[in-house]
């Protein structure tokens, strides 16, 4: 293979790895900006969108605020909310989150 083709191939492979790594980081550090929303449909697909004035008014009238540190979990086709709370031993539930996850987390607790 000619050196120029090898260089192009190497650059292409590097670009694929870079974009895959960037997506993995984005997945791990998802952020919701003001007036943006995430919709989780029954299949578990997440759809993100920007809310206009009509949607904002509807949200403020009908939605309820989630506590800081809320986990959204899917099991058996259902979605569950788990909010951090003080346990009987006085520790916060999420303080020991590392022991019940298979991922490396860097999540702060309140």
PDB file of N, CA and C in Angstrom:
ATOM      1  N   UNK A   1       0.856  -1.177   0.000  1.00  0.00           N
ATOM      2  CA  UNK A   1       0.000   0.000   0.000  1.00  0.00           C
ATOM      3  C   UNK A   1       0.898   1.235   0.000  1.00  0.00           C
ATOM      4  N   UNK A   2       0.541   2.207  -0.752  1.00  0.00           N
ATOM      5  CA  UNK A   2       1.333   3.430  -0.852  1.00  0.00           C
ATOM      6  C   UNK A   2       1.241   4.221   0.458  1.00  0.00           C
ATOM      7  N   UNK A   3       2.308   4.925   0.829  1.00  0.00           N
ATOM      8  CA  UNK A   3       2.296   5.685   2.100  1.00  0.00           C
ATOM      9  C   UNK A   3       1.131   6.662   2.215  1.00  0.00           C
ATOM     10  N   UNK A   4       0.751   7.321   1.123  1.00  0.00           N
ATOM     11  CA  UNK A   4      -0.353   8.281   1.211  1.00  0.00           C
ATOM     12  C   UNK A   4      -1.676   7.575   1.500  1.00  0.00           C
ATOM     13  N   UNK A   5      -1.894   6.404   0.926  1.00  0.00           N
ATOM     14  CA  UNK A   5      -3.123   5.647   1.205  1.00  0.00           C
ATOM     15  C   UNK A   5      -3.115   5.135   2.638  1.00  0.00           C
ATOM     16  N   UNK A   6      -1.953   4.712   3.118  1.00  0.00           N
ATOM     17  CA  UNK A   6      -1.836   4.257   4.489  1.00  0.00           C
ATOM     18  C   UNK A   6      -2.126   5.392   5.470  1.00  0.00           C
ATOM     19  N   UNK A   7      -1.652   6.585   5.153  1.00  0.00           N
ATOM     20  CA  UNK A   7      -1.910   7.761   5.987  1.00  0.00           C
ATOM     21  C   UNK A   7      -3.403   8.073   6.020  1.00  0.00           C
ATOM     22  N   UNK A   8      -4.047   8.024   4.864  1.00  0.00           N
ATOM     23  CA  UNK A   8      -5.490   8.293   4.791  1.00  0.00           C
ATOM     24  C   UNK A   8      -6.262   7.239   5.578  1.00  0.00           C
ATOM     25  N   UNK A   9      -5.886   5.959   5.437  1.00  0.00           N
ATOM     26  CA  UNK A   9      -6.549   4.880   6.169  1.00  0.00           C
ATOM     27  C   UNK A   9      -6.383   5.074   7.675  1.00  0.00           C
ATOM     28  N   UNK A  10      -5.169   5.396   8.109  1.00  0.00           N
ATOM     29  CA  UNK A  10      -4.912   5.620   9.537  1.00  0.00           C
ATOM     30  C   UNK A  10      -5.724   6.796  10.062  1.00  0.00           C
ATOM     31  N   UNK A  11      -5.802   7.863   9.275  1.00  0.00           N
ATOM     32  CA  UNK A  11      -6.594   9.030   9.683  1.00  0.00           C
ATOM     33  C   UNK A  11      -8.069   8.663   9.803  1.00  0.00           C
ATOM     34  N   UNK A  12      -8.561   7.854   8.877  1.00  0.00           N
ATOM     35  CA  UNK A  12      -9.968   7.425   8.928  1.00  0.00           C
ATOM     36  C   UNK A  12     -10.268   6.589  10.151  1.00  0.00           C
ATOM     37  N   UNK A  13      -9.367   5.643  10.458  1.00  0.00           N
ATOM     38  CA  UNK A  13      -9.549   4.803  11.649  1.00  0.00           C
ATOM     39  C   UNK A  13      -9.507   5.663  12.908  1.00  0.00           C
ATOM     40  N   UNK A  14      -8.579   6.609  12.961  1.00  0.00           N
ATOM     41  CA  UNK A  14      -8.493   7.505  14.117  1.00  0.00           C
ATOM     42  C   UNK A  14      -9.766   8.329  14.275  1.00  0.00           C
ATOM     43  N   UNK A  15     -10.336   8.787  13.160  1.00  0.00           N
ATOM     44  CA  UNK A  15     -11.573   9.582  13.208  1.00  0.00           C
ATOM     45  C   UNK A  15     -12.731   8.749  13.739  1.00  0.00           C
ATOM     46  N   UNK A  16     -12.815   7.479  13.327  1.00  0.00           N
ATOM     47  CA  UNK A  16     -13.878   6.602  13.819  1.00  0.00           C
ATOM     48  C   UNK A  16     -13.749   6.414  15.322  1.00  0.00           C
ATOM     49  N   UNK A  17     -12.538   6.139  15.800  1.00  0.00           N
ATOM     50  CA  UNK A  17     -12.347   5.975  17.236  1.00  0.00           C
ATOM     51  C   UNK A  17     -12.638   7.263  17.987  1.00  0.00           C
ATOM     52  N   UNK A  18     -12.245   8.388  17.452  1.00  0.00           N
ATOM     53  CA  UNK A  18     -12.483   9.675  18.105  1.00  0.00           C
ATOM     54  C   UNK A  18     -13.972   9.956  18.200  1.00  0.00           C
ATOM     55  N   UNK A  19     -14.723   9.704  17.122  1.00  0.00           N
ATOM     56  CA  UNK A  19     -16.162   9.986  17.166  1.00  0.00           C
ATOM     57  C   UNK A  19     -16.877   9.013  18.091  1.00  0.00           C
ATOM     58  N   UNK A  20     -16.426   7.753  18.139  1.00  0.00           N
ATOM     59  CA  UNK A  20     -17.018   6.778  19.053  1.00  0.00           C
ATOM     60  C   UNK A  20     -16.754   7.183  20.496  1.00  0.00           C
ATOM     61  N   UNK A  21     -15.533   7.608  20.783  1.00  0.00           N
ATOM     62  CA  UNK A  21     -15.198   8.048  22.140  1.00  0.00           C
ATOM     63  C   UNK A  21     -15.990   9.286  22.518  1.00  0.00           C
ATOM     64  N   UNK A  22     -16.171  10.216  21.589  1.00  0.00           N
ATOM     65  CA  UNK A  22     -16.932  11.436  21.871  1.00  0.00           C
ATOM     66  C   UNK A  22     -18.375  11.092  22.182  1.00  0.00           C
ATOM     67  N   UNK A  23     -18.958  10.160  21.438  1.00  0.00           N
ATOM     68  CA  UNK A  23     -20.331   9.767  21.718  1.00  0.00           C
ATOM     69  C   UNK A  23     -20.441   9.102  23.070  1.00  0.00           C
ATOM     70  N   UNK A  24     -19.471   8.276  23.436  1.00  0.00           N
ATOM     71  CA  UNK A  24     -19.501   7.626  24.748  1.00  0.00           C
ATOM     72  C   UNK A  24     -19.444   8.667  25.852  1.00  0.00           C
ATOM     73  N   UNK A  25     -18.619   9.678  25.711  1.00  0.00           N
ATOM     74  CA  UNK A  25     -18.536  10.744  26.709  1.00  0.00           C
ATOM     75  C   UNK A  25     -19.842  11.511  26.760  1.00  0.00           C
ATOM     76  N   UNK A  26     -20.419  11.849  25.596  1.00  0.00           N
ATOM     77  CA  UNK A  26     -21.695  12.556  25.568  1.00  0.00           C
ATOM     78  C   UNK A  26     -22.770  11.747  26.276  1.00  0.00           C
ATOM     79  N   UNK A  27     -22.800  10.425  26.070  1.00  0.00           N
ATOM     80  CA  UNK A  27     -23.798   9.567  26.696  1.00  0.00           C
ATOM     81  C   UNK A  27     -23.640   9.604  28.213  1.00  0.00           C
ATOM     82  N   UNK A  28     -22.414   9.583  28.681  1.00  0.00           N
ATOM     83  CA  UNK A  28     -22.153   9.573  30.113  1.00  0.00           C
ATOM     84  C   UNK A  28     -22.425  10.915  30.770  1.00  0.00           C
ATOM     85  N   UNK A  29     -22.305  12.012  30.023  1.00  0.00           N
ATOM     86  CA  UNK A  29     -22.437  13.335  30.626  1.00  0.00           C
ATOM     87  C   UNK A  29     -23.574  14.128  29.987  1.00  0.00           C
ATOM     88  N   UNK A  30     -24.677  13.474  29.711  1.00  0.00           N
ATOM     89  CA  UNK A  30     -25.816  14.161  29.104  1.00  0.00           C
ATOM     90  C   UNK A  30     -26.231  15.343  29.972  1.00  0.00           C
ATOM     91  N   UNK A  31     -26.625  16.417  29.325  1.00  0.00           N
ATOM     92  CA  UNK A  31     -27.007  17.633  30.030  1.00  0.00           C
ATOM     93  C   UNK A  31     -28.290  18.171  29.391  1.00  0.00           C
ATOM     94  N   UNK A  32     -29.195  18.647  30.210  1.00  0.00           N
ATOM     95  CA  UNK A  32     -30.425  19.247  29.704  1.00  0.00           C
ATOM     96  C   UNK A  32     -30.364  20.742  29.971  1.00  0.00           C
ATOM     97  N   UNK A  33     -30.364  21.536  28.916  1.00  0.00           N
ATOM     98  CA  UNK A  33     -30.349  22.989  29.046  1.00  0.00           C
ATOM     99  C   UNK A  33     -31.748  23.505  29.362  1.00  0.00           C
ATOM    100  N   UNK A  34     -31.824  24.760  29.772  1.00  0.00           N
ATOM    101  CA  UNK A  34     -33.121  25.404  30.020  1.00  0.00           C
ATOM    102  C   UNK A  34     -34.009  25.301  28.774  1.00  0.00           C
ATOM    103  N   UNK A  35     -35.294  25.062  29.005  1.00  0.00           N
ATOM    104  CA  UNK A  35     -36.309  24.949  27.964  1.00  0.00           C
ATOM    105  C   UNK A  35     -36.070  23.787  27.003  1.00  0.00           C
ATOM    106  N   UNK A  36     -35.285  22.798  27.431  1.00  0.00           N
ATOM    107  CA  UNK A  36     -35.092  21.575  26.672  1.00  0.00           C
ATOM    108  C   UNK A  36     -35.731  20.436  27.459  1.00  0.00           C
ATOM    109  N   UNK A  37     -36.143  19.403  26.752  1.00  0.00           N
ATOM    110  CA  UNK A  37     -36.825  18.289  27.395  1.00  0.00           C
ATOM    111  C   UNK A  37     -36.334  16.972  26.816  1.00  0.00           C
ATOM    112  N   UNK A  38     -36.536  15.920  27.589  1.00  0.00           N
ATOM    113  CA  UNK A  38     -36.265  14.566  27.130  1.00  0.00           C
ATOM    114  C   UNK A  38     -37.550  13.770  27.315  1.00  0.00           C
ATOM    115  N   UNK A  39     -37.964  13.084  26.266  1.00  0.00           N
ATOM    116  CA  UNK A  39     -39.142  12.223  26.320  1.00  0.00           C
ATOM    117  C   UNK A  39     -38.685  10.785  26.231  1.00  0.00           C
ATOM    118  N   UNK A  40     -39.036   9.961  27.212  1.00  0.00           N
ATOM    119  CA  UNK A  40     -38.725   8.544  27.180  1.00  0.00           C
ATOM    120  C   UNK A  40     -39.984   7.810  26.752  1.00  0.00           C
ATOM    121  N   UNK A  41     -39.946   7.202  25.565  1.00  0.00           N
ATOM    122  CA  UNK A  41     -41.138   6.494  25.097  1.00  0.00           C
ATOM    123  C   UNK A  41     -41.169   5.081  25.688  1.00  0.00           C
ATOM    124  N   UNK A  42     -42.274   4.368  25.532  1.00  0.00           N
ATOM    125  CA  UNK A  42     -42.413   3.044  26.152  1.00  0.00           C
ATOM    126  C   UNK A  42     -41.328   2.035  25.754  1.00  0.00           C
ATOM    127  N   UNK A  43     -40.703   2.209  24.602  1.00  0.00           N
ATOM    128  CA  UNK A  43     -39.655   1.271  24.176  1.00  0.00           C
ATOM    129  C   UNK A  43     -38.306   1.608  24.798  1.00  0.00           C
ATOM    130  N   UNK A  44     -38.215   2.738  25.499  1.00  0.00           N
ATOM    131  CA  UNK A  44     -36.973   3.157  26.116  1.00  0.00           C
ATOM    132  C   UNK A  44     -36.180   4.142  25.277  1.00  0.00           C
ATOM    133  N   UNK A  45     -36.714   4.534  24.127  1.00  0.00           N
ATOM    134  CA  UNK A  45     -36.049   5.505  23.271  1.00  0.00           C
ATOM    135  C   UNK A  45     -36.183   6.893  23.880  1.00  0.00           C
ATOM    136  N   UNK A  46     -35.081   7.638  23.885  1.00  0.00           N
ATOM    137  CA  UNK A  46     -35.086   8.996  24.417  1.00  0.00           C
ATOM    138  C   UNK A  46     -35.120   9.976  23.254  1.00  0.00           C
ATOM    139  N   UNK A  47     -36.077  10.882  23.296  1.00  0.00           N
ATOM    140  CA  UNK A  47     -36.193  11.929  22.282  1.00  0.00           C
ATOM    141  C   UNK A  47     -35.985  13.266  22.976  1.00  0.00           C
ATOM    142  N   UNK A  48     -35.074  14.076  22.428  1.00  0.00           N
ATOM    143  CA  UNK A  48     -34.780  15.385  23.007  1.00  0.00           C
ATOM    144  C   UNK A  48     -35.361  16.467  22.111  1.00  0.00           C
ATOM    145  N   UNK A  49     -35.884  17.527  22.753  1.00  0.00           N
ATOM    146  CA  UNK A  49     -36.465  18.624  21.980  1.00  0.00           C
ATOM    147  C   UNK A  49     -36.459  19.903  22.800  1.00  0.00           C
ATOM    148  N   UNK A  50     -36.637  21.018  22.099  1.00  0.00           N
ATOM    149  CA  UNK A  50     -36.723  22.327  22.730  1.00  0.00           C
ATOM    150  C   UNK A  50     -38.193  22.679  22.904  1.00  0.00           C
ATOM    151  N   UNK A  51     -38.549  23.204  24.060  1.00  0.00           N
ATOM    152  CA  UNK A  51     -39.934  23.536  24.374  1.00  0.00           C
ATOM    153  C   UNK A  51     -40.182  25.012  24.055  1.00  0.00           C
ATOM    154  N   UNK A  52     -41.277  25.294  23.328  1.00  0.00           N
ATOM    155  CA  UNK A  52     -41.641  26.681  23.013  1.00  0.00           C
ATOM    156  C   UNK A  52     -42.463  27.267  24.163  1.00  0.00           C
ATOM    157  N   UNK A  53     -42.971  28.484  23.986  1.00  0.00           N
ATOM    158  CA  UNK A  53     -43.727  29.147  25.066  1.00  0.00           C
ATOM    159  C   UNK A  53     -44.973  28.358  25.471  1.00  0.00           C
ATOM    160  N   UNK A  54     -45.699  27.799  24.499  1.00  0.00           N
ATOM    161  CA  UNK A  54     -46.901  27.014  24.800  1.00  0.00           C
ATOM    162  C   UNK A  54     -46.531  25.781  25.617  1.00  0.00           C
ATOM    163  N   UNK A  55     -45.461  25.100  25.192  1.00  0.00           N
ATOM    164  CA  UNK A  55     -45.004  23.917  25.918  1.00  0.00           C
ATOM    165  C   UNK A  55     -44.510  24.256  27.315  1.00  0.00           C
ATOM    166  N   UNK A  56     -43.816  25.382  27.448  1.00  0.00           N
ATOM    167  CA  UNK A  56     -43.328  25.812  28.755  1.00  0.00           C
ATOM    168  C   UNK A  56     -44.508  26.067  29.701  1.00  0.00           C
ATOM    169  N   UNK A  57     -45.527  26.753  29.203  1.00  0.00           N
ATOM    170  CA  UNK A  57     -46.712  27.021  30.030  1.00  0.00           C
ATOM    171  C   UNK A  57     -47.376  25.714  30.464  1.00  0.00           C
ATOM    172  N   UNK A  58     -47.462  24.746  29.551  1.00  0.00           N
ATOM    173  CA  UNK A  58     -48.065  23.443  29.865  1.00  0.00           C
ATOM    174  C   UNK A  58     -47.233  22.711  30.925  1.00  0.00           C
ATOM    175  N   UNK A  59     -45.922  22.763  30.779  1.00  0.00           N
ATOM    176  CA  UNK A  59     -45.045  22.105  31.755  1.00  0.00           C
ATOM    177  C   UNK A  59     -45.201  22.733  33.139  1.00  0.00           C
ATOM    178  N   UNK A  60     -45.167  24.054  33.200  1.00  0.00           N
ATOM    179  CA  UNK A  60     -45.247  24.739  34.487  1.00  0.00           C
ATOM    180  C   UNK A  60     -46.598  24.522  35.158  1.00  0.00           C
ATOM    181  N   UNK A  61     -47.643  24.346  34.369  1.00  0.00           N
ATOM    182  CA  UNK A  61     -48.977  24.138  34.919  1.00  0.00           C
ATOM    183  C   UNK A  61     -49.186  22.688  35.385  1.00  0.00           C
ATOM    184  N   UNK A  62     -48.613  21.722  34.667  1.00  0.00           N
ATOM    185  CA  UNK A  62     -48.960  20.319  34.914  1.00  0.00           C
ATOM    186  C   UNK A  62     -47.839  19.416  35.412  1.00  0.00           C
ATOM    187  N   UNK A  63     -46.595  19.826  35.262  1.00  0.00           N
ATOM    188  CA  UNK A  63     -45.486  18.943  35.642  1.00  0.00           C
ATOM    189  C   UNK A  63     -45.130  19.123  37.109  1.00  0.00           C
ATOM    190  N   UNK A  64     -44.429  18.142  37.657  1.00  0.00           N
ATOM    191  CA  UNK A  64     -43.917  18.281  39.015  1.00  0.00           C
ATOM    192  C   UNK A  64     -42.401  18.200  38.950  1.00  0.00           C
ATOM    193  N   UNK A  65     -41.748  18.931  39.811  1.00  0.00           N
ATOM    194  CA  UNK A  65     -40.287  18.957  39.852  1.00  0.00           C
ATOM    195  C   UNK A  65     -39.757  17.650  40.439  1.00  0.00           C
ATOM    196  N   UNK A  66     -38.656  17.170  39.877  1.00  0.00           N
ATOM    197  CA  UNK A  66     -37.971  16.014  40.438  1.00  0.00           C
ATOM    198  C   UNK A  66     -36.939  16.505  41.434  1.00  0.00           C
ATOM    199  N   UNK A  67     -36.717  15.705  42.447  1.00  0.00           N
ATOM    200  CA  UNK A  67     -35.690  16.044  43.430  1.00  0.00           C
ATOM    201  C   UNK A  67     -34.323  15.947  42.774  1.00  0.00           C
ATOM    202  N   UNK A  68     -33.385  16.751  43.253  1.00  0.00           N
ATOM    203  CA  UNK A  68     -32.007  16.641  42.773  1.00  0.00           C
ATOM    204  C   UNK A  68     -31.508  15.236  43.092  1.00  0.00           C
ATOM    205  N   UNK A  69     -30.781  14.651  42.187  1.00  0.00           N
ATOM    206  CA  UNK A  69     -30.260  13.310  42.423  1.00  0.00           C
ATOM    207  C   UNK A  69     -31.255  12.209  42.131  1.00  0.00           C
ATOM    208  N   UNK A  70     -32.180  12.430  41.206  1.00  0.00           N
ATOM    209  CA  UNK A  70     -33.167  11.419  40.847  1.00  0.00           C
ATOM    210  C   UNK A  70     -32.606  10.471  39.799  1.00  0.00           C
ATOM    211  N   UNK A  71     -32.863   9.185  39.946  1.00  0.00           N
ATOM    212  CA  UNK A  71     -32.476   8.185  38.957  1.00  0.00           C
ATOM    213  C   UNK A  71     -33.736   7.737  38.224  1.00  0.00           C
ATOM    214  N   UNK A  72     -33.649   7.657  36.902  1.00  0.00           N
ATOM    215  CA  UNK A  72     -34.718   7.082  36.085  1.00  0.00           C
ATOM    216  C   UNK A  72     -34.232   5.708  35.660  1.00  0.00           C
ATOM    217  N   UNK A  73     -35.022   4.689  35.920  1.00  0.00           N
ATOM    218  CA  UNK A  73     -34.619   3.300  35.701  1.00  0.00           C
ATOM    219  C   UNK A  73     -35.687   2.567  34.908  1.00  0.00           C
ATOM    220  N   UNK A  74     -35.273   1.711  33.999  1.00  0.00           N
ATOM    221  CA  UNK A  74     -36.217   0.938  33.188  1.00  0.00           C
ATOM    222  C   UNK A  74     -36.030  -0.536  33.479  1.00  0.00           C
ATOM    223  N   UNK A  75     -37.139  -1.233  33.744  1.00  0.00           N
ATOM    224  CA  UNK A  75     -37.128  -2.668  33.979  1.00  0.00           C
ATOM    225  C   UNK A  75     -38.494  -3.231  33.603  1.00  0.00           C
ATOM    226  N   UNK A  76     -38.510  -4.318  32.864  1.00  0.00           N
ATOM    227  CA  UNK A  76     -39.770  -4.963  32.493  1.00  0.00           C
ATOM    228  C   UNK A  76     -40.674  -4.065  31.671  1.00  0.00           C
ATOM    229  N   UNK A  77     -40.088  -3.159  30.875  1.00  0.00           N
ATOM    230  CA  UNK A  77     -40.873  -2.269  30.030  1.00  0.00           C
ATOM    231  C   UNK A  77     -41.494  -1.097  30.774  1.00  0.00           C
ATOM    232  N   UNK A  78     -41.184  -0.949  32.059  1.00  0.00           N
ATOM    233  CA  UNK A  78     -41.703   0.166  32.847  1.00  0.00           C
ATOM    234  C   UNK A  78     -40.565   1.085  33.243  1.00  0.00           C
ATOM    235  N   UNK A  79     -40.877   2.371  33.457  1.00  0.00           N
ATOM    236  CA  UNK A  79     -39.905   3.346  33.933  1.00  0.00           C
ATOM    237  C   UNK A  79     -40.168   3.640  35.410  1.00  0.00           C
ATOM    238  N   UNK A  80     -39.093   3.724  36.178  1.00  0.00           N
ATOM    239  CA  UNK A  80     -39.189   3.982  37.611  1.00  0.00           C
ATOM    240  C   UNK A  80     -38.340   5.198  37.969  1.00  0.00           C
ATOM    241  N   UNK A  81     -38.747   5.932  38.999  1.00  0.00           N
ATOM    242  CA  UNK A  81     -37.975   7.044  39.557  1.00  0.00           C
ATOM    243  C   UNK A  81     -37.495   6.643  40.944  1.00  0.00           C
ATOM    244  N   UNK A  82     -36.226   6.884  41.197  1.00  0.00           N
ATOM    245  CA  UNK A  82     -35.674   6.637  42.521  1.00  0.00           C
ATOM    246  C   UNK A  82     -35.021   7.929  42.983  1.00  0.00           C
ATOM    247  N   UNK A  83     -35.502   8.459  44.096  1.00  0.00           N
ATOM    248  CA  UNK A  83     -34.963   9.706  44.636  1.00  0.00           C
ATOM    249  C   UNK A  83     -34.085   9.397  45.832  1.00  0.00           C
ATOM    250  N   UNK A  84     -32.971  10.103  45.927  1.00  0.00           N
ATOM    251  CA  UNK A  84     -32.043   9.939  47.036  1.00  0.00           C
ATOM    252  C   UNK A  84     -32.768  10.279  48.341  1.00  0.00           C
ATOM    253  N   UNK A  85     -32.553   9.476  49.351  1.00  0.00           N
ATOM    254  CA  UNK A  85     -33.185   9.757  50.647  1.00  0.00           C
ATOM    255  C   UNK A  85     -32.319   9.203  51.763  1.00  0.00           C
ATOM    256  N   UNK A  86     -32.549   9.707  52.969  1.00  0.00           N
ATOM    257  CA  UNK A  86     -31.786   9.263  54.134  1.00  0.00           C
ATOM    258  C   UNK A  86     -32.291   7.880  54.540  1.00  0.00           C
ATOM    259  N   UNK A  87     -31.344   6.962  54.755  1.00  0.00           N
ATOM    260  CA  UNK A  87     -31.679   5.596  55.141  1.00  0.00           C
ATOM    261  C   UNK A  87     -31.688   5.476  56.671  1.00  0.00           C
ATOM    262  N   UNK A  88     -32.110   4.324  57.164  1.00  0.00           N
ATOM    263  CA  UNK A  88     -32.218   4.106  58.605  1.00  0.00           C
ATOM    264  C   UNK A  88     -30.876   4.280  59.322  1.00  0.00           C
ATOM    265  N   UNK A  89     -29.766   3.979  58.617  1.00  0.00           N
ATOM    266  CA  UNK A  89     -28.446   4.119  59.249  1.00  0.00           C
ATOM    267  C   UNK A  89     -27.932   5.560  59.211  1.00  0.00           C
ATOM    268  N   UNK A  90     -28.735   6.486  58.683  1.00  0.00           N
ATOM    269  CA  UNK A  90     -28.367   7.892  58.646  1.00  0.00           C
ATOM    270  C   UNK A  90     -27.640   8.310  57.379  1.00  0.00           C
ATOM    271  N   UNK A  91     -27.216   7.346  56.554  1.00  0.00           N
ATOM    272  CA  UNK A  91     -26.533   7.667  55.300  1.00  0.00           C
ATOM    273  C   UNK A  91     -27.556   7.904  54.197  1.00  0.00           C
ATOM    274  N   UNK A  92     -27.138   8.677  53.209  1.00  0.00           N
ATOM    275  CA  UNK A  92     -27.995   8.887  52.039  1.00  0.00           C
ATOM    276  C   UNK A  92     -27.930   7.631  51.163  1.00  0.00           C
ATOM    277  N   UNK A  93     -29.061   7.270  50.555  1.00  0.00           N
ATOM    278  CA  UNK A  93     -29.152   6.065  49.736  1.00  0.00           C
ATOM    279  C   UNK A  93     -28.089   6.024  48.641  1.00  0.00           C
ATOM    280  N   UNK A  94     -27.884   7.152  47.954  1.00  0.00           N
ATOM    281  CA  UNK A  94     -26.969   7.165  46.825  1.00  0.00           C
ATOM    282  C   UNK A  94     -25.499   7.210  47.247  1.00  0.00           C
ATOM    283  N   UNK A  95     -25.212   7.343  48.560  1.00  0.00           N
ATOM    284  CA  UNK A  95     -23.823   7.383  49.019  1.00  0.00           C
ATOM    285  C   UNK A  95     -23.104   6.076  48.694  1.00  0.00           C
ATOM    286  N   UNK A  96     -23.838   4.987  48.602  1.00  0.00           N
ATOM    287  CA  UNK A  96     -23.265   3.669  48.325  1.00  0.00           C
ATOM    288  C   UNK A  96     -23.610   3.195  46.909  1.00  0.00           C
ATOM    289  N   UNK A  97     -23.931   4.147  46.016  1.00  0.00           N
ATOM    290  CA  UNK A  97     -24.378   3.807  44.663  1.00  0.00           C
ATOM    291  C   UNK A  97     -23.351   2.962  43.906  1.00  0.00           C
ATOM    292  N   UNK A  98     -22.056   3.214  44.130  1.00  0.00           N
ATOM    293  CA  UNK A  98     -21.011   2.465  43.426  1.00  0.00           C
ATOM    294  C   UNK A  98     -21.179   0.957  43.625  1.00  0.00           C
ATOM    295  N   UNK A  99     -21.659   0.526  44.779  1.00  0.00           N
ATOM    296  CA  UNK A  99     -21.764  -0.904  45.070  1.00  0.00           C
ATOM    297  C   UNK A  99     -22.916  -1.571  44.323  1.00  0.00           C
ATOM    298  N   UNK A 100     -23.858  -0.809  43.787  1.00  0.00           N
ATOM    299  CA  UNK A 100     -24.966  -1.430  43.060  1.00  0.00           C
ATOM    300  C   UNK A 100     -25.054  -0.998  41.608  1.00  0.00           C
ATOM    301  N   UNK A 101     -23.918  -0.600  41.043  1.00  0.00           N
ATOM    302  CA  UNK A 101     -23.845  -0.313  39.617  1.00  0.00           C
ATOM    303  C   UNK A 101     -22.708  -1.109  39.007  1.00  0.00           C
ATOM    304  N   UNK A 102     -22.809  -1.370  37.712  1.00  0.00           N
ATOM    305  CA  UNK A 102     -21.724  -2.058  37.013  1.00  0.00           C
ATOM    306  C   UNK A 102     -20.859  -1.068  36.246  1.00  0.00           C
ATOM    307  N   UNK A 103     -21.192   0.234  36.325  1.00  0.00           N
ATOM    308  CA  UNK A 103     -20.427   1.277  35.653  1.00  0.00           C
ATOM    309  C   UNK A 103     -19.629   2.075  36.665  1.00  0.00           C
ATOM    310  N   UNK A 104     -18.596   2.713  36.165  1.00  0.00           N
ATOM    311  CA  UNK A 104     -17.816   3.622  37.016  1.00  0.00           C
ATOM    312  C   UNK A 104     -18.521   4.965  37.022  1.00  0.00           C
ATOM    313  N   UNK A 105     -18.981   5.390  38.180  1.00  0.00           N
ATOM    314  CA  UNK A 105     -19.735   6.642  38.290  1.00  0.00           C
ATOM    315  C   UNK A 105     -18.932   7.687  39.028  1.00  0.00           C
ATOM    316  N   UNK A 106     -19.169   8.936  38.655  1.00  0.00           N
ATOM    317  CA  UNK A 106     -18.621  10.050  39.429  1.00  0.00           C
ATOM    318  C   UNK A 106     -19.795  10.973  39.731  1.00  0.00           C
ATOM    319  N   UNK A 107     -20.689  10.456  40.564  1.00  0.00           N
ATOM    320  CA  UNK A 107     -21.924  11.155  40.888  1.00  0.00           C
ATOM    321  C   UNK A 107     -21.838  11.694  42.304  1.00  0.00           C
ATOM    322  N   UNK A 108     -22.142  12.966  42.459  1.00  0.00           N
ATOM    323  CA  UNK A 108     -22.164  13.564  43.785  1.00  0.00           C
ATOM    324  C   UNK A 108     -23.495  13.312  44.460  1.00  0.00           C
ATOM    325  N   UNK A 109     -23.493  13.254  45.748  1.00  0.00           N
ATOM    326  CA  UNK A 109     -24.744  13.119  46.496  1.00  0.00           C
ATOM    327  C   UNK A 109     -24.967  14.401  47.251  1.00  0.00           C
ATOM    328  N   UNK A 110     -26.188  14.637  47.640  1.00  0.00           N
ATOM    329  CA  UNK A 110     -26.490  15.871  48.368  1.00  0.00           C
ATOM    330  C   UNK A 110     -26.393  15.668  49.834  1.00  0.00           C
TER     331      UNK A 110
END
